[in-house]
Structures are given as C-alpha cells and as structure tokens.
Amino acid sequence: MNIIGHKNIFLAVSAVLVASALGAVEVFGFRQGIDFTGGTLWQFKAGSESAGNVKDFFKIKLDLPEAIIVFNISDSSFLARLPDVGEKDHQKYLNLLKEKYPDFQELGFQSIGPSIGRELRRNALTAIWLVLIG
C-alpha cells in the first residue's frame, strides 16, 4: 500500500475528522461532571434495594431531582452524584436513608469545590486543544 503517494487523501480524511470533532463540540458542548462544576460524591450500600427505588427516594423524599445514582454490581454499592451538599444536609439525608433502609451503610462522602473544578476544566480544555493541534 502506497501511503506516501496517497498522503493528500489521508490528510483530507484527518482534516474532516478534526473538523467534525470541533463542530460536535461547538453544537453539543461539553457535559461537565461534578469534577468540573463542584458537587458531592456519596458512596453507600442500601441492602438489597433496587437502583430505581433508591433513585426515586433521592428525587422525591430528599428533593434532589438532579441527583445521579449509579449502582455498582461488583460490590453492590451505590454512587450518588449530587449538587454541593453541606454537612447539615448530609446528616439530615443520612438519617432519612437509615430510617428508610435499615441496612444502609455509608462508604464515602466527598465534596468537590468549584475552585478545583475551574482548574480541572482549564487543564482539560488545554489538553484537548493540544491534542487537536497535534
């Protein structure tokens, strides 16, 4: 296969793919997670509850409709991504969850501030631009 002889074709395909990626970023933007915007990560076990029940409890009873709840099959735990939750609200939610789910067990609770998120966002965007230029 004569790659050098067809370099213009390969360069054109690469240019189309880069332009498509830039267009997709412009149209759809980036969906930023907690790491970039700040918020709370809460890992816990709730016995043998289904993910749907836990999601409904967070959205309705705890009034956190923007909560993203993911179930980890390997260790039967849940990971909740929430907006920034203070310690007072954390304790309130913890008590409500313990009432609802007797087997509730908290594995971790972390808050990520928006200042760290700004730095991560800047570094990530710089890395993306350097990759596209490269």
Protein backbone atom coordinates (compact mmCIF):
# COMPACT_ATOMS: atom_id res chain seq x y z
CA MET A 1 0.00 0.00 0.00
CA ASN A 2 1.46 3.33 -1.06
CA ILE A 3 0.67 5.58 1.93
CA ILE A 4 3.03 8.41 0.96
CA GLY A 5 1.66 8.50 -2.56
CA HIS A 6 -1.87 8.97 -1.19
CA LYS A 7 -0.91 11.37 1.61
CA ASN A 8 -3.38 14.02 0.42
CA ILE A 9 -6.26 11.61 0.83
CA PHE A 10 -5.17 10.66 4.35
CA LEU A 11 -4.62 14.30 5.31
CA ALA A 12 -8.07 15.21 3.94
CA VAL A 13 -9.72 12.42 5.94
CA SER A 14 -7.88 13.59 9.09
CA ALA A 15 -8.94 17.19 8.46
CA VAL A 16 -12.59 16.14 8.02
CA LEU A 17 -12.48 14.15 11.28
CA VAL A 18 -10.91 17.04 13.22
CA ALA A 19 -13.45 19.50 11.75
CA SER A 20 -16.27 17.11 12.68
CA ALA A 21 -14.98 16.86 16.25
CA LEU A 22 -14.74 20.66 16.53
CA GLY A 23 -18.23 21.01 15.07
CA ALA A 24 -19.66 18.49 17.54
CA VAL A 25 -18.06 20.36 20.44
CA GLU A 26 -19.48 23.63 19.14
CA VAL A 27 -23.00 22.24 18.66
CA PHE A 28 -23.31 19.92 21.67
CA GLY A 29 -20.74 21.43 24.03
CA PHE A 30 -19.20 19.52 26.88
CA ARG A 31 -21.32 17.89 29.55
CA GLN A 32 -19.34 18.67 32.65
CA GLY A 33 -19.45 16.38 35.64
CA ILE A 34 -19.00 17.09 39.32
CA ASP A 35 -15.24 17.11 38.89
CA PHE A 36 -15.53 20.33 36.87
CA THR A 37 -18.57 22.07 38.35
CA GLY A 38 -18.24 21.14 42.01
CA GLY A 39 -20.62 18.97 43.99
CA THR A 40 -20.78 15.90 46.19
CA LEU A 41 -19.95 12.23 45.65
CA TRP A 42 -21.61 9.87 48.10
CA GLN A 43 -20.94 6.12 48.08
CA PHE A 44 -23.15 3.83 50.13
CA LYS A 45 -24.83 0.45 50.39
CA ALA A 46 -28.58 0.15 50.88
CA GLY A 47 -29.05 -3.55 51.37
CA SER A 48 -30.83 -5.34 48.54
CA GLU A 49 -32.70 -2.29 47.26
CA SER A 50 -33.06 -1.76 43.53
CA ALA A 51 -31.46 1.24 41.87
CA GLY A 52 -34.90 2.52 40.82
CA ASN A 53 -36.15 2.63 44.42
CA VAL A 54 -33.06 4.50 45.60
CA LYS A 55 -33.28 6.98 42.70
CA ASP A 56 -36.94 7.65 43.48
CA PHE A 57 -36.15 8.15 47.16
CA PHE A 58 -33.45 10.73 46.33
CA LYS A 59 -35.65 12.56 43.83
CA ILE A 60 -38.90 12.58 45.81
CA LYS A 61 -38.18 12.21 49.53
CA LEU A 62 -34.82 14.01 49.64
CA ASP A 63 -35.93 16.55 46.98
CA LEU A 64 -32.80 16.10 44.87
CA PRO A 65 -34.14 15.73 41.31
CA GLU A 66 -30.70 16.40 39.78
CA ALA A 67 -29.13 13.50 41.70
CA ILE A 68 -27.44 10.89 39.53
CA ILE A 69 -27.46 7.46 41.18
CA VAL A 70 -25.34 4.63 39.76
CA PHE A 71 -25.37 1.05 41.02
CA ASN A 72 -22.04 -0.82 41.14
CA ILE A 73 -22.70 -4.52 40.61
CA SER A 74 -19.25 -5.69 41.74
CA ASP A 75 -19.67 -4.60 45.37
CA SER A 76 -23.44 -3.90 45.47
CA SER A 77 -22.93 -0.24 46.31
CA PHE A 78 -24.43 2.97 45.01
CA LEU A 79 -22.62 6.11 43.91
CA ALA A 80 -24.67 9.30 44.14
CA ARG A 81 -23.54 12.47 42.34
CA LEU A 82 -25.26 15.44 43.93
CA PRO A 83 -25.04 19.21 43.87
CA ASP A 84 -22.98 20.66 46.69
CA VAL A 85 -24.37 19.28 49.98
CA GLY A 86 -23.30 20.80 53.29
CA GLU A 87 -22.66 18.79 56.44
CA LYS A 88 -26.03 19.76 57.97
CA ASP A 89 -27.92 18.45 54.93
CA HIS A 90 -25.64 15.41 54.79
CA GLN A 91 -26.61 14.42 58.33
CA LYS A 92 -30.30 15.02 57.58
CA TYR A 93 -30.16 12.87 54.43
CA LEU A 94 -28.13 10.23 56.25
CA ASN A 95 -30.79 9.91 58.98
CA LEU A 96 -33.61 9.69 56.42
CA LEU A 97 -31.76 7.00 54.47
CA LYS A 98 -31.09 5.00 57.65
CA GLU A 99 -34.80 5.18 58.51
CA LYS A 100 -35.87 4.04 55.06
CA TYR A 101 -33.17 1.38 54.56
CA PRO A 102 -32.20 -0.39 57.83
CA ASP A 103 -29.15 -1.98 56.15
CA PHE A 104 -27.86 1.43 54.99
CA GLN A 105 -24.07 1.75 55.21
CA GLU A 106 -22.14 4.88 54.23
CA LEU A 107 -18.87 4.08 52.43
CA GLY A 108 -17.72 7.57 51.50
CA PHE A 109 -18.77 11.20 51.30
CA GLN A 110 -16.71 13.79 49.39
CA SER A 111 -17.35 17.39 48.45
CA ILE A 112 -15.54 18.89 45.49
CA GLY A 113 -15.36 22.66 45.40
CA PRO A 114 -15.93 24.72 42.25
CA SER A 115 -12.46 26.31 42.51
CA ILE A 116 -10.85 22.91 41.96
CA GLY A 117 -13.33 22.38 39.14
CA ARG A 118 -12.24 25.56 37.36
CA GLU A 119 -8.61 24.45 37.41
CA LEU A 120 -9.50 20.97 36.15
CA ARG A 121 -11.67 22.46 33.39
CA ARG A 122 -8.88 24.77 32.25
CA ASN A 123 -6.34 21.92 32.23
CA ALA A 124 -8.72 19.58 30.39
CA LEU A 125 -9.52 22.15 27.70
CA THR A 126 -5.83 22.91 27.25
CA ALA A 127 -5.12 19.20 26.83
CA ILE A 128 -7.94 18.82 24.29
CA TRP A 129 -6.69 21.75 22.22
CA LEU A 130 -3.12 20.44 22.28
CA VAL A 131 -4.31 17.03 21.11
CA LEU A 132 -6.32 18.58 18.27
CA ILE A 133 -3.38 20.73 17.22
CA GLY A 134 -1.08 17.69 17.37
